[in-house]
Amino acid sequence: MTERFGDRTTRTYSAENAACPARSHRPRRMKSTTRSFTVGEGKGYLTVVRSEDGAPAEVLIRMAKQGSTLAGMMDAFSTTITQGLRHGVPLRTFVADYVGLRFEPAGLTNDPEVKQASSVMDYVGRRLALDYLPYDVRVELNVLTTEERATKEAIDGVGDAVWTDLVGLSMSAPVVARPRRS
């Protein structure tokens, strides 16, 4: 594909570039929010830079000391989310992939809305969902605040028992044969 300009210059795109979605030019100044968090024994900072419409445009996660394996992994994780958001990947896709991942550090958090996380990626996914996704999408992804969970349990009347798969449980139970009497 060739693009022609008024000054008789042209720009040629390869097939690879034509398939990539166009990135919008980012303003020089954007609003951001930084929060300190702990997950188990790990401490870090989550910074979310927002576009003019309030949607997350960039995610930065800083943990551990510079040069450590955890810091390098979180930098790579941040870059992946940021590049995906710039290329039009919906936040819901990232949340669905990262919520529920299990590895250390894991455990209790200092966030009253996300009391426990199974990993740093799980915490970041849940925090981004709570801050930027609508309630109905979060229900589908099972990412609710403690208050929303309590309200849902009161409305359901039975709490988490609604989600228990009784048929699946009965089929996974061991079969005990009665001994034959002769």
C-alpha atoms as a PDB file:
ATOM      1  CA  MET A   1       0.000   0.000   0.000  1.00  0.00           C
ATOM      2  CA  THR A   2       1.369   3.392  -0.976  1.00  0.00           C
ATOM      3  CA  GLU A   3       0.291   6.726   0.459  1.00  0.00           C
ATOM      4  CA  ARG A   4       0.948   9.881  -1.633  1.00  0.00           C
ATOM      5  CA  PHE A   5       1.410  13.361  -0.167  1.00  0.00           C
ATOM      6  CA  GLY A   6       0.992  16.833  -1.694  1.00  0.00           C
ATOM      7  CA  ASP A   7       4.753  17.480  -1.842  1.00  0.00           C
ATOM      8  CA  ARG A   8       5.151  14.457  -4.191  1.00  0.00           C
ATOM      9  CA  THR A   9       6.551  12.205  -1.484  1.00  0.00           C
ATOM     10  CA  THR A  10       5.185   8.752  -0.851  1.00  0.00           C
ATOM     11  CA  ARG A  11       5.152   6.291   2.012  1.00  0.00           C
ATOM     12  CA  THR A  12       4.902   2.551   1.357  1.00  0.00           C
ATOM     13  CA  TYR A  13       3.451   0.178   3.927  1.00  0.00           C
ATOM     14  CA  SER A  14       4.272  -3.492   4.076  1.00  0.00           C
ATOM     15  CA  ALA A  15       1.567  -6.104   4.630  1.00  0.00           C
ATOM     16  CA  GLU A  16       2.628  -6.358   8.298  1.00  0.00           C
ATOM     17  CA  ASN A  17       2.109  -2.655   8.974  1.00  0.00           C
ATOM     18  CA  ALA A  18      -1.224  -2.582   7.148  1.00  0.00           C
ATOM     19  CA  ALA A  19      -2.611  -5.244   9.506  1.00  0.00           C
ATOM     20  CA  CYS A  20      -1.734  -3.274  12.650  1.00  0.00           C
ATOM     21  CA  PRO A  21      -4.403  -0.927  13.968  1.00  0.00           C
ATOM     22  CA  ALA A  22      -3.570   2.763  13.852  1.00  0.00           C
ATOM     23  CA  ARG A  23      -2.348   4.171  17.138  1.00  0.00           C
ATOM     24  CA  SER A  24      -3.624   7.538  18.185  1.00  0.00           C
ATOM     25  CA  HIS A  25      -1.138  10.239  19.065  1.00  0.00           C
ATOM     26  CA  ARG A  26      -0.937  10.553  22.828  1.00  0.00           C
ATOM     27  CA  PRO A  27      -1.032  13.959  24.502  1.00  0.00           C
ATOM     28  CA  ARG A  28       2.074  15.100  26.356  1.00  0.00           C
ATOM     29  CA  ARG A  29       0.250  15.349  29.685  1.00  0.00           C
ATOM     30  CA  MET A  30      -2.089  12.690  31.009  1.00  0.00           C
ATOM     31  CA  LYS A  31      -3.665  12.066  34.402  1.00  0.00           C
ATOM     32  CA  SER A  32      -2.509   9.108  36.463  1.00  0.00           C
ATOM     33  CA  THR A  33      -3.158   7.360  39.755  1.00  0.00           C
ATOM     34  CA  THR A  34      -0.508   5.580  41.795  1.00  0.00           C
ATOM     35  CA  ARG A  35      -1.333   3.219  44.619  1.00  0.00           C
ATOM     36  CA  SER A  36       0.925   1.341  46.969  1.00  0.00           C
ATOM     37  CA  PHE A  37       0.075  -2.335  47.457  1.00  0.00           C
ATOM     38  CA  THR A  38       1.252  -5.458  49.189  1.00  0.00           C
ATOM     39  CA  VAL A  39       0.552  -9.025  48.144  1.00  0.00           C
ATOM     40  CA  GLY A  40       1.812 -11.478  50.720  1.00  0.00           C
ATOM     41  CA  GLU A  41       5.397 -10.421  51.385  1.00  0.00           C
ATOM     42  CA  GLY A  42       5.735  -8.459  48.118  1.00  0.00           C
ATOM     43  CA  LYS A  43       5.417  -4.670  48.087  1.00  0.00           C
ATOM     44  CA  GLY A  44       4.983  -2.507  45.040  1.00  0.00           C
ATOM     45  CA  TYR A  45       3.373   0.436  43.291  1.00  0.00           C
ATOM     46  CA  LEU A  46       0.677   0.321  40.609  1.00  0.00           C
ATOM     47  CA  THR A  47       0.427   3.409  38.380  1.00  0.00           C
ATOM     48  CA  VAL A  48      -2.374   3.697  35.842  1.00  0.00           C
ATOM     49  CA  VAL A  49      -2.171   6.504  33.285  1.00  0.00           C
ATOM     50  CA  ARG A  50      -5.584   7.463  31.905  1.00  0.00           C
ATOM     51  CA  SER A  51      -6.549   8.843  28.516  1.00  0.00           C
ATOM     52  CA  GLU A  52      -8.791  11.886  28.148  1.00  0.00           C
ATOM     53  CA  ASP A  53     -11.931   9.738  28.335  1.00  0.00           C
ATOM     54  CA  GLY A  54     -10.769   8.172  31.626  1.00  0.00           C
ATOM     55  CA  ALA A  55      -9.886   4.744  30.222  1.00  0.00           C
ATOM     56  CA  PRO A  56      -6.530   3.219  31.191  1.00  0.00           C
ATOM     57  CA  ALA A  57      -3.872   3.950  28.577  1.00  0.00           C
ATOM     58  CA  GLU A  58      -0.709   2.794  30.348  1.00  0.00           C
ATOM     59  CA  VAL A  59       0.007   0.517  33.312  1.00  0.00           C
ATOM     60  CA  LEU A  60       3.241   0.612  35.313  1.00  0.00           C
ATOM     61  CA  ILE A  61       4.109  -1.835  38.098  1.00  0.00           C
ATOM     62  CA  ARG A  62       7.207  -1.340  40.228  1.00  0.00           C
ATOM     63  CA  MET A  63       8.241  -4.063  42.663  1.00  0.00           C
ATOM     64  CA  ALA A  64      11.355  -5.185  44.460  1.00  0.00           C
ATOM     65  CA  LYS A  65      14.741  -3.702  43.737  1.00  0.00           C
ATOM     66  CA  GLN A  66      15.838  -2.827  40.215  1.00  0.00           C
ATOM     67  CA  GLY A  67      17.564  -5.729  38.486  1.00  0.00           C
ATOM     68  CA  SER A  68      15.792  -8.454  40.429  1.00  0.00           C
ATOM     69  CA  THR A  69      13.843 -11.177  38.652  1.00  0.00           C
ATOM     70  CA  LEU A  70      10.527  -9.987  40.087  1.00  0.00           C
ATOM     71  CA  ALA A  71      11.174  -6.391  39.008  1.00  0.00           C
ATOM     72  CA  GLY A  72      12.050  -7.560  35.492  1.00  0.00           C
ATOM     73  CA  MET A  73       8.927  -9.717  35.239  1.00  0.00           C
ATOM     74  CA  MET A  74       6.691  -6.880  36.417  1.00  0.00           C
ATOM     75  CA  ASP A  75       8.305  -4.492  33.902  1.00  0.00           C
ATOM     76  CA  ALA A  76       7.597  -6.998  31.114  1.00  0.00           C
ATOM     77  CA  PHE A  77       4.048  -7.492  32.389  1.00  0.00           C
ATOM     78  CA  SER A  78       3.505  -3.713  32.447  1.00  0.00           C
ATOM     79  CA  THR A  79       4.837  -3.339  28.914  1.00  0.00           C
ATOM     80  CA  THR A  80       2.574  -6.107  27.646  1.00  0.00           C
ATOM     81  CA  ILE A  81      -0.560  -4.497  29.090  1.00  0.00           C
ATOM     82  CA  THR A  82       0.433  -1.016  27.893  1.00  0.00           C
ATOM     83  CA  GLN A  83       1.201  -2.152  24.332  1.00  0.00           C
ATOM     84  CA  GLY A  84      -2.019  -4.137  24.218  1.00  0.00           C
ATOM     85  CA  LEU A  85      -4.081  -1.160  25.357  1.00  0.00           C
ATOM     86  CA  ARG A  86      -2.369   1.061  22.765  1.00  0.00           C
ATOM     87  CA  HIS A  87      -3.256  -1.427  20.030  1.00  0.00           C
ATOM     88  CA  GLY A  88      -6.902  -1.685  21.018  1.00  0.00           C
ATOM     89  CA  VAL A  89      -7.001  -4.840  23.149  1.00  0.00           C
ATOM     90  CA  PRO A  90      -9.932  -4.471  25.563  1.00  0.00           C
ATOM     91  CA  LEU A  91      -9.081  -4.315  29.265  1.00  0.00           C
ATOM     92  CA  ARG A  92     -11.591  -7.128  29.825  1.00  0.00           C
ATOM     93  CA  THR A  93      -9.313  -9.493  27.862  1.00  0.00           C
ATOM     94  CA  PHE A  94      -6.353  -8.795  30.135  1.00  0.00           C
ATOM     95  CA  VAL A  95      -8.450  -9.128  33.286  1.00  0.00           C
ATOM     96  CA  ALA A  96      -9.885 -12.471  32.134  1.00  0.00           C
ATOM     97  CA  ASP A  97      -6.380 -13.806  31.451  1.00  0.00           C
ATOM     98  CA  TYR A  98      -4.642 -12.597  34.598  1.00  0.00           C
ATOM     99  CA  VAL A  99      -7.260 -13.037  37.329  1.00  0.00           C
ATOM    100  CA  GLY A 100      -6.720 -16.365  39.031  1.00  0.00           C
ATOM    101  CA  LEU A 101      -3.032 -16.875  38.167  1.00  0.00           C
ATOM    102  CA  ARG A 102      -1.246 -18.465  41.109  1.00  0.00           C
ATOM    103  CA  PHE A 103       2.401 -17.955  42.075  1.00  0.00           C
ATOM    104  CA  GLU A 104       4.424 -16.264  44.798  1.00  0.00           C
ATOM    105  CA  PRO A 105       4.201 -13.679  46.224  1.00  0.00           C
ATOM    106  CA  ALA A 106       0.586 -14.450  47.102  1.00  0.00           C
ATOM    107  CA  GLY A 107      -1.665 -13.935  50.115  1.00  0.00           C
ATOM    108  CA  LEU A 108      -3.321 -11.100  51.972  1.00  0.00           C
ATOM    109  CA  THR A 109      -3.226  -7.588  50.524  1.00  0.00           C
ATOM    110  CA  ASN A 110      -3.495  -4.129  52.081  1.00  0.00           C
ATOM    111  CA  ASP A 111      -6.408  -3.284  49.735  1.00  0.00           C
ATOM    112  CA  PRO A 112      -9.796  -3.412  51.511  1.00  0.00           C
ATOM    113  CA  GLU A 113     -11.611  -4.199  48.251  1.00  0.00           C
ATOM    114  CA  VAL A 114      -9.254  -7.039  47.258  1.00  0.00           C
ATOM    115  CA  LYS A 115      -8.466  -8.760  50.531  1.00  0.00           C
ATOM    116  CA  GLN A 116      -6.531 -11.680  49.078  1.00  0.00           C
ATOM    117  CA  ALA A 117      -4.699 -12.326  45.808  1.00  0.00           C
ATOM    118  CA  SER A 118      -3.193 -15.499  44.393  1.00  0.00           C
ATOM    119  CA  SER A 119      -0.370 -13.525  42.700  1.00  0.00           C
ATOM    120  CA  VAL A 120       0.661  -9.984  41.822  1.00  0.00           C
ATOM    121  CA  MET A 121      -0.903 -10.397  38.360  1.00  0.00           C
ATOM    122  CA  ASP A 122      -4.132 -11.569  40.004  1.00  0.00           C
ATOM    123  CA  TYR A 123      -4.133  -8.459  42.217  1.00  0.00           C
ATOM    124  CA  VAL A 124      -3.396  -6.085  39.309  1.00  0.00           C
ATOM    125  CA  GLY A 125      -6.118  -7.674  37.179  1.00  0.00           C
ATOM    126  CA  ARG A 126      -8.676  -7.395  39.993  1.00  0.00           C
ATOM    127  CA  ARG A 127      -7.702  -3.814  40.818  1.00  0.00           C
ATOM    128  CA  LEU A 128      -7.936  -2.720  37.160  1.00  0.00           C
ATOM    129  CA  ALA A 129     -11.316  -4.444  36.828  1.00  0.00           C
ATOM    130  CA  LEU A 130     -12.697  -2.758  39.950  1.00  0.00           C
ATOM    131  CA  ASP A 131     -11.488   0.653  38.819  1.00  0.00           C
ATOM    132  CA  TYR A 132     -12.297   0.556  35.095  1.00  0.00           C
ATOM    133  CA  LEU A 133     -14.820  -2.163  34.191  1.00  0.00           C
ATOM    134  CA  PRO A 134     -18.605  -1.917  34.631  1.00  0.00           C
ATOM    135  CA  TYR A 135     -20.382  -4.074  37.222  1.00  0.00           C
ATOM    136  CA  ASP A 136     -22.003  -6.496  34.762  1.00  0.00           C
ATOM    137  CA  VAL A 137     -18.639  -7.328  33.155  1.00  0.00           C
ATOM    138  CA  ARG A 138     -17.060  -7.800  36.581  1.00  0.00           C
ATOM    139  CA  VAL A 139     -19.850 -10.215  37.579  1.00  0.00           C
ATOM    140  CA  GLU A 140     -19.068 -12.319  34.492  1.00  0.00           C
ATOM    141  CA  LEU A 141     -15.377 -12.323  35.452  1.00  0.00           C
ATOM    142  CA  ASN A 142     -16.211 -12.958  39.147  1.00  0.00           C
ATOM    143  CA  VAL A 143     -14.345  -9.835  40.284  1.00  0.00           C
ATOM    144  CA  LEU A 144     -16.421  -8.143  42.991  1.00  0.00           C
ATOM    145  CA  THR A 145     -15.645  -6.040  46.039  1.00  0.00           C
ATOM    146  CA  THR A 146     -16.318  -7.475  49.490  1.00  0.00           C
ATOM    147  CA  GLU A 147     -19.437  -5.305  49.782  1.00  0.00           C
ATOM    148  CA  GLU A 148     -20.742  -6.353  46.355  1.00  0.00           C
ATOM    149  CA  ARG A 149     -20.170 -10.018  47.246  1.00  0.00           C
ATOM    150  CA  ALA A 150     -22.109  -9.638  50.505  1.00  0.00           C
ATOM    151  CA  THR A 151     -24.984  -7.908  48.686  1.00  0.00           C
ATOM    152  CA  LYS A 152     -25.047 -10.620  46.036  1.00  0.00           C
ATOM    153  CA  GLU A 153     -25.146 -13.333  48.722  1.00  0.00           C
ATOM    154  CA  ALA A 154     -28.061 -11.585  50.466  1.00  0.00           C
ATOM    155  CA  ILE A 155     -29.994 -11.322  47.181  1.00  0.00           C
ATOM    156  CA  ASP A 156     -29.269 -14.925  46.182  1.00  0.00           C
ATOM    157  CA  GLY A 157     -30.311 -16.096  49.630  1.00  0.00           C
ATOM    158  CA  VAL A 158     -27.849 -18.949  49.658  1.00  0.00           C
ATOM    159  CA  GLY A 159     -24.561 -17.209  49.011  1.00  0.00           C
ATOM    160  CA  ASP A 160     -21.802 -19.086  47.262  1.00  0.00           C
ATOM    161  CA  ALA A 161     -23.762 -22.343  47.410  1.00  0.00           C
ATOM    162  CA  VAL A 162     -25.511 -21.212  44.211  1.00  0.00           C
ATOM    163  CA  TRP A 163     -22.257 -21.630  42.326  1.00  0.00           C
ATOM    164  CA  THR A 164     -21.565 -25.132  43.609  1.00  0.00           C
ATOM    165  CA  ASP A 165     -21.945 -27.725  40.894  1.00  0.00           C
ATOM    166  CA  LEU A 166     -23.727 -30.517  42.755  1.00  0.00           C
ATOM    167  CA  VAL A 167     -23.869 -32.845  39.762  1.00  0.00           C
ATOM    168  CA  GLY A 168     -20.160 -32.374  39.139  1.00  0.00           C
ATOM    169  CA  LEU A 169     -19.423 -33.004  42.801  1.00  0.00           C
ATOM    170  CA  SER A 170     -21.493 -36.181  42.873  1.00  0.00           C
ATOM    171  CA  MET A 171     -19.812 -37.489  39.724  1.00  0.00           C
ATOM    172  CA  SER A 172     -16.349 -36.828  41.095  1.00  0.00           C
ATOM    173  CA  ALA A 173     -17.027 -38.626  44.402  1.00  0.00           C
ATOM    174  CA  PRO A 174     -15.452 -42.063  44.698  1.00  0.00           C
ATOM    175  CA  VAL A 175     -17.821 -44.969  44.249  1.00  0.00           C
ATOM    176  CA  VAL A 176     -17.871 -47.291  47.224  1.00  0.00           C
ATOM    177  CA  ALA A 177     -19.118 -50.739  46.357  1.00  0.00           C
ATOM    178  CA  ARG A 178     -20.890 -52.722  49.015  1.00  0.00           C
ATOM    179  CA  PRO A 179     -19.200 -55.962  49.826  1.00  0.00           C
ATOM    180  CA  ARG A 180     -21.129 -59.007  48.611  1.00  0.00           C
ATOM    181  CA  ARG A 181     -22.556 -61.270  51.193  1.00  0.00           C
ATOM    182  CA  SER A 182     -22.408 -64.918  50.409  1.00  0.00           C
END
